[in-house]
Amino acid sequence: MAVGSAQRRGERLPRIAASFRQPEVEAALDLLELADLAWHDCYGPQELCLPPDVLDDVLVLADGDLAALARMARAAVRDHRDIRVAADEHRARSR
């Protein structure tokens, strides 16, 4: 069953609220909605939004910074493999 953007936004809210400063939470959610639209445009019609693993990588690399979120989301839509490599390296350094 397809999940709508409003439901996706609601599901993401707790994670985004935990990662971003309160004044930036809505903007981060808006940005992810735009990333979903771009993802669908590039990888649709079956791909409706960023896959969960790509979203995880984007959020790891953004590290609570709205500007970084914009850069990482854009990069993920262009080539998510680069984001995967960078996120894996970041995770390895963080252990």
N, C-alpha and C. Protein backbone atom coordinates (compact mmCIF):
# COMPACT_ATOMS: atom_id res chain seq x y z
N MET A 1 0.84 -1.18 0.00
CA MET A 1 0.00 0.00 0.00
C MET A 1 0.88 1.24 0.00
N ALA A 2 0.54 2.19 -0.84
CA ALA A 2 1.31 3.43 -0.94
C ALA A 2 1.10 4.30 0.30
N VAL A 3 2.16 4.95 0.70
CA VAL A 3 2.12 5.86 1.83
C VAL A 3 2.17 7.28 1.28
N GLY A 4 1.27 8.14 1.74
CA GLY A 4 1.24 9.51 1.27
C GLY A 4 2.29 10.37 1.93
N SER A 5 2.53 11.52 1.35
CA SER A 5 3.58 12.40 1.87
C SER A 5 3.26 12.89 3.29
N ALA A 6 1.99 13.10 3.60
CA ALA A 6 1.63 13.54 4.95
C ALA A 6 1.95 12.46 5.98
N GLN A 7 1.65 11.21 5.64
CA GLN A 7 1.95 10.11 6.55
C GLN A 7 3.46 9.92 6.70
N ARG A 8 4.18 10.02 5.59
CA ARG A 8 5.63 9.90 5.62
C ARG A 8 6.23 10.99 6.49
N ARG A 9 5.70 12.20 6.36
CA ARG A 9 6.18 13.33 7.16
C ARG A 9 5.96 13.06 8.65
N GLY A 10 4.78 12.57 8.98
CA GLY A 10 4.48 12.24 10.37
C GLY A 10 5.39 11.16 10.92
N GLU A 11 5.68 10.16 10.10
CA GLU A 11 6.57 9.08 10.54
C GLU A 11 8.00 9.57 10.75
N ARG A 12 8.41 10.54 9.96
CA ARG A 12 9.77 11.07 10.06
C ARG A 12 9.93 12.09 11.18
N LEU A 13 8.85 12.69 11.59
CA LEU A 13 8.91 13.79 12.56
C LEU A 13 9.74 13.47 13.80
N PRO A 14 9.51 12.36 14.50
CA PRO A 14 10.30 12.11 15.72
C PRO A 14 11.80 12.05 15.46
N ARG A 15 12.18 11.41 14.39
CA ARG A 15 13.61 11.31 14.09
C ARG A 15 14.21 12.66 13.73
N ILE A 16 13.49 13.44 12.95
CA ILE A 16 13.98 14.76 12.56
C ILE A 16 14.02 15.68 13.77
N ALA A 17 13.01 15.61 14.61
CA ALA A 17 12.98 16.44 15.83
C ALA A 17 14.14 16.11 16.76
N ALA A 18 14.57 14.86 16.76
CA ALA A 18 15.69 14.45 17.60
C ALA A 18 17.04 14.87 17.01
N SER A 19 17.06 15.14 15.72
CA SER A 19 18.33 15.44 15.04
C SER A 19 18.56 16.93 14.77
N PHE A 20 17.48 17.69 14.64
CA PHE A 20 17.60 19.10 14.25
C PHE A 20 17.07 20.01 15.34
N ARG A 21 17.61 21.23 15.36
CA ARG A 21 17.12 22.23 16.32
C ARG A 21 15.65 22.52 16.01
N GLN A 22 14.89 22.81 17.05
CA GLN A 22 13.44 23.00 16.92
C GLN A 22 13.05 23.97 15.81
N PRO A 23 13.70 25.12 15.68
CA PRO A 23 13.27 26.03 14.60
C PRO A 23 13.48 25.47 13.19
N GLU A 24 14.30 24.43 13.07
CA GLU A 24 14.62 23.89 11.76
C GLU A 24 13.87 22.59 11.42
N VAL A 25 13.11 22.06 12.35
CA VAL A 25 12.45 20.77 12.14
C VAL A 25 11.51 20.82 10.93
N GLU A 26 10.65 21.80 10.87
CA GLU A 26 9.69 21.89 9.75
C GLU A 26 10.41 22.09 8.43
N ALA A 27 11.46 22.90 8.43
CA ALA A 27 12.23 23.12 7.20
C ALA A 27 12.92 21.83 6.76
N ALA A 28 13.44 21.06 7.71
CA ALA A 28 14.07 19.78 7.37
C ALA A 28 13.04 18.82 6.78
N LEU A 29 11.87 18.78 7.35
CA LEU A 29 10.81 17.93 6.81
C LEU A 29 10.39 18.39 5.41
N ASP A 30 10.32 19.70 5.21
CA ASP A 30 10.00 20.24 3.88
C ASP A 30 11.06 19.82 2.88
N LEU A 31 12.31 19.93 3.28
CA LEU A 31 13.41 19.58 2.40
C LEU A 31 13.37 18.10 2.02
N LEU A 32 13.07 17.25 2.99
CA LEU A 32 12.97 15.82 2.69
C LEU A 32 11.80 15.53 1.76
N GLU A 33 10.73 16.30 1.89
CA GLU A 33 9.60 16.14 0.96
C GLU A 33 10.03 16.49 -0.46
N LEU A 34 10.81 17.56 -0.59
CA LEU A 34 11.32 17.92 -1.91
C LEU A 34 12.27 16.84 -2.44
N ALA A 35 13.08 16.27 -1.56
CA ALA A 35 13.97 15.18 -1.97
C ALA A 35 13.16 13.98 -2.45
N ASP A 36 12.05 13.70 -1.78
CA ASP A 36 11.17 12.61 -2.22
C ASP A 36 10.63 12.87 -3.62
N LEU A 37 10.23 14.11 -3.87
CA LEU A 37 9.71 14.45 -5.20
C LEU A 37 10.80 14.29 -6.26
N ALA A 38 12.00 14.73 -5.94
CA ALA A 38 13.12 14.58 -6.87
C ALA A 38 13.44 13.11 -7.10
N TRP A 39 13.42 12.32 -6.01
CA TRP A 39 13.70 10.89 -6.13
C TRP A 39 12.67 10.24 -7.06
N HIS A 40 11.41 10.56 -6.84
CA HIS A 40 10.33 10.00 -7.67
C HIS A 40 10.52 10.42 -9.12
N ASP A 41 10.92 11.66 -9.34
CA ASP A 41 11.12 12.15 -10.69
C ASP A 41 12.25 11.39 -11.39
N CYS A 42 13.29 11.05 -10.64
CA CYS A 42 14.44 10.35 -11.22
C CYS A 42 14.26 8.85 -11.29
N TYR A 43 13.60 8.26 -10.29
CA TYR A 43 13.57 6.81 -10.16
C TYR A 43 12.16 6.21 -10.20
N GLY A 44 11.15 7.05 -10.43
CA GLY A 44 9.78 6.59 -10.45
C GLY A 44 9.48 5.79 -11.70
N PRO A 45 8.28 5.29 -11.85
CA PRO A 45 7.12 5.57 -11.02
C PRO A 45 7.01 4.68 -9.77
N GLN A 46 7.74 3.59 -9.70
CA GLN A 46 7.63 2.73 -8.52
C GLN A 46 8.27 3.36 -7.29
N GLU A 47 9.35 4.07 -7.47
CA GLU A 47 10.06 4.69 -6.35
C GLU A 47 9.39 6.02 -6.00
N LEU A 48 8.63 6.03 -4.91
CA LEU A 48 7.87 7.22 -4.54
C LEU A 48 8.66 8.19 -3.67
N CYS A 49 9.67 7.67 -2.98
CA CYS A 49 10.41 8.52 -2.04
C CYS A 49 11.78 7.93 -1.80
N LEU A 50 12.60 8.68 -1.06
CA LEU A 50 13.91 8.17 -0.69
C LEU A 50 13.74 6.82 0.02
N PRO A 51 14.45 5.80 -0.39
CA PRO A 51 14.39 4.54 0.34
C PRO A 51 14.93 4.71 1.75
N PRO A 52 14.47 3.91 2.69
CA PRO A 52 14.89 4.07 4.09
C PRO A 52 16.40 4.07 4.29
N ASP A 53 17.13 3.22 3.58
CA ASP A 53 18.58 3.19 3.76
C ASP A 53 19.24 4.45 3.23
N VAL A 54 18.72 5.01 2.15
CA VAL A 54 19.26 6.26 1.62
C VAL A 54 18.95 7.41 2.58
N LEU A 55 17.74 7.43 3.11
CA LEU A 55 17.38 8.44 4.11
C LEU A 55 18.30 8.35 5.32
N ASP A 56 18.57 7.15 5.79
CA ASP A 56 19.48 6.97 6.93
C ASP A 56 20.85 7.56 6.62
N ASP A 57 21.36 7.27 5.43
CA ASP A 57 22.68 7.79 5.05
C ASP A 57 22.67 9.31 4.99
N VAL A 58 21.64 9.88 4.42
CA VAL A 58 21.53 11.34 4.31
C VAL A 58 21.51 11.98 5.70
N LEU A 59 20.73 11.40 6.61
CA LEU A 59 20.62 11.97 7.95
C LEU A 59 21.92 11.80 8.74
N VAL A 60 22.60 10.70 8.56
CA VAL A 60 23.90 10.52 9.23
C VAL A 60 24.87 11.60 8.79
N LEU A 61 24.93 11.83 7.50
CA LEU A 61 25.89 12.82 6.98
C LEU A 61 25.46 14.25 7.28
N ALA A 62 24.17 14.50 7.35
CA ALA A 62 23.70 15.86 7.67
C ALA A 62 24.04 16.24 9.10
N ASP A 63 24.00 15.27 10.00
CA ASP A 63 24.39 15.46 11.39
C ASP A 63 23.71 16.68 12.03
N GLY A 64 22.41 16.82 11.76
CA GLY A 64 21.65 17.88 12.40
C GLY A 64 21.84 19.27 11.81
N ASP A 65 22.50 19.38 10.68
CA ASP A 65 22.76 20.66 10.04
C ASP A 65 21.88 20.79 8.79
N LEU A 66 21.03 21.80 8.77
CA LEU A 66 20.06 21.96 7.69
C LEU A 66 20.73 22.15 6.33
N ALA A 67 21.79 22.95 6.29
CA ALA A 67 22.50 23.16 5.02
C ALA A 67 23.12 21.85 4.54
N ALA A 68 23.68 21.08 5.44
CA ALA A 68 24.25 19.79 5.07
C ALA A 68 23.16 18.84 4.60
N LEU A 69 21.98 18.91 5.21
CA LEU A 69 20.86 18.07 4.78
C LEU A 69 20.52 18.38 3.33
N ALA A 70 20.49 19.64 2.97
CA ALA A 70 20.18 20.03 1.59
C ALA A 70 21.23 19.46 0.63
N ARG A 71 22.49 19.60 1.00
CA ARG A 71 23.57 19.09 0.13
C ARG A 71 23.52 17.57 0.01
N MET A 72 23.31 16.90 1.12
CA MET A 72 23.30 15.43 1.11
C MET A 72 22.08 14.88 0.38
N ALA A 73 20.93 15.50 0.55
CA ALA A 73 19.72 15.05 -0.14
C ALA A 73 19.90 15.20 -1.65
N ARG A 74 20.44 16.32 -2.06
CA ARG A 74 20.69 16.55 -3.49
C ARG A 74 21.67 15.52 -4.03
N ALA A 75 22.74 15.31 -3.30
CA ALA A 75 23.75 14.33 -3.73
C ALA A 75 23.16 12.92 -3.79
N ALA A 76 22.30 12.59 -2.85
CA ALA A 76 21.69 11.25 -2.84
C ALA A 76 20.81 11.03 -4.06
N VAL A 77 20.09 12.05 -4.47
CA VAL A 77 19.24 11.91 -5.64
C VAL A 77 20.11 11.75 -6.90
N ARG A 78 21.21 12.46 -6.93
CA ARG A 78 22.10 12.37 -8.10
C ARG A 78 22.79 11.02 -8.18
N ASP A 79 23.34 10.53 -7.07
CA ASP A 79 23.98 9.22 -7.04
C ASP A 79 24.10 8.76 -5.59
N HIS A 80 23.14 7.98 -5.15
CA HIS A 80 23.07 7.55 -3.76
C HIS A 80 24.24 6.65 -3.36
N ARG A 81 24.93 6.09 -4.32
CA ARG A 81 26.08 5.24 -3.99
C ARG A 81 27.20 6.04 -3.33
N ASP A 82 27.40 7.27 -3.79
CA ASP A 82 28.41 8.13 -3.17
C ASP A 82 28.06 8.44 -1.73
N ILE A 83 26.79 8.68 -1.48
CA ILE A 83 26.32 8.96 -0.12
C ILE A 83 26.50 7.72 0.76
N ARG A 84 26.24 6.55 0.22
CA ARG A 84 26.41 5.30 0.98
C ARG A 84 27.87 5.13 1.42
N VAL A 85 28.79 5.36 0.52
CA VAL A 85 30.21 5.22 0.85
C VAL A 85 30.60 6.23 1.93
N ALA A 86 30.20 7.47 1.75
CA ALA A 86 30.53 8.51 2.73
C ALA A 86 29.90 8.21 4.09
N ALA A 87 28.66 7.76 4.10
CA ALA A 87 27.98 7.45 5.37
C ALA A 87 28.64 6.27 6.05
N ASP A 88 29.02 5.26 5.29
CA ASP A 88 29.70 4.10 5.88
C ASP A 88 31.04 4.50 6.48
N GLU A 89 31.76 5.37 5.80
CA GLU A 89 33.03 5.87 6.35
C GLU A 89 32.80 6.67 7.62
N HIS A 90 31.77 7.49 7.62
CA HIS A 90 31.43 8.28 8.80
C HIS A 90 31.08 7.36 9.99
N ARG A 91 30.29 6.35 9.72
CA ARG A 91 29.91 5.41 10.77
C ARG A 91 31.14 4.67 11.31
N ALA A 92 32.05 4.29 10.45
CA ALA A 92 33.26 3.57 10.87
C ALA A 92 34.13 4.46 11.76
N ARG A 93 34.22 5.73 11.43
CA ARG A 93 35.01 6.67 12.25
C ARG A 93 34.35 6.94 13.59
N SER A 94 33.04 6.84 13.63
CA SER A 94 32.29 7.16 14.85
C SER A 94 32.28 6.02 15.87
N ARG A 95 32.75 4.88 15.50
CA ARG A 95 32.73 3.72 16.43
C ARG A 95 33.79 3.83 17.47
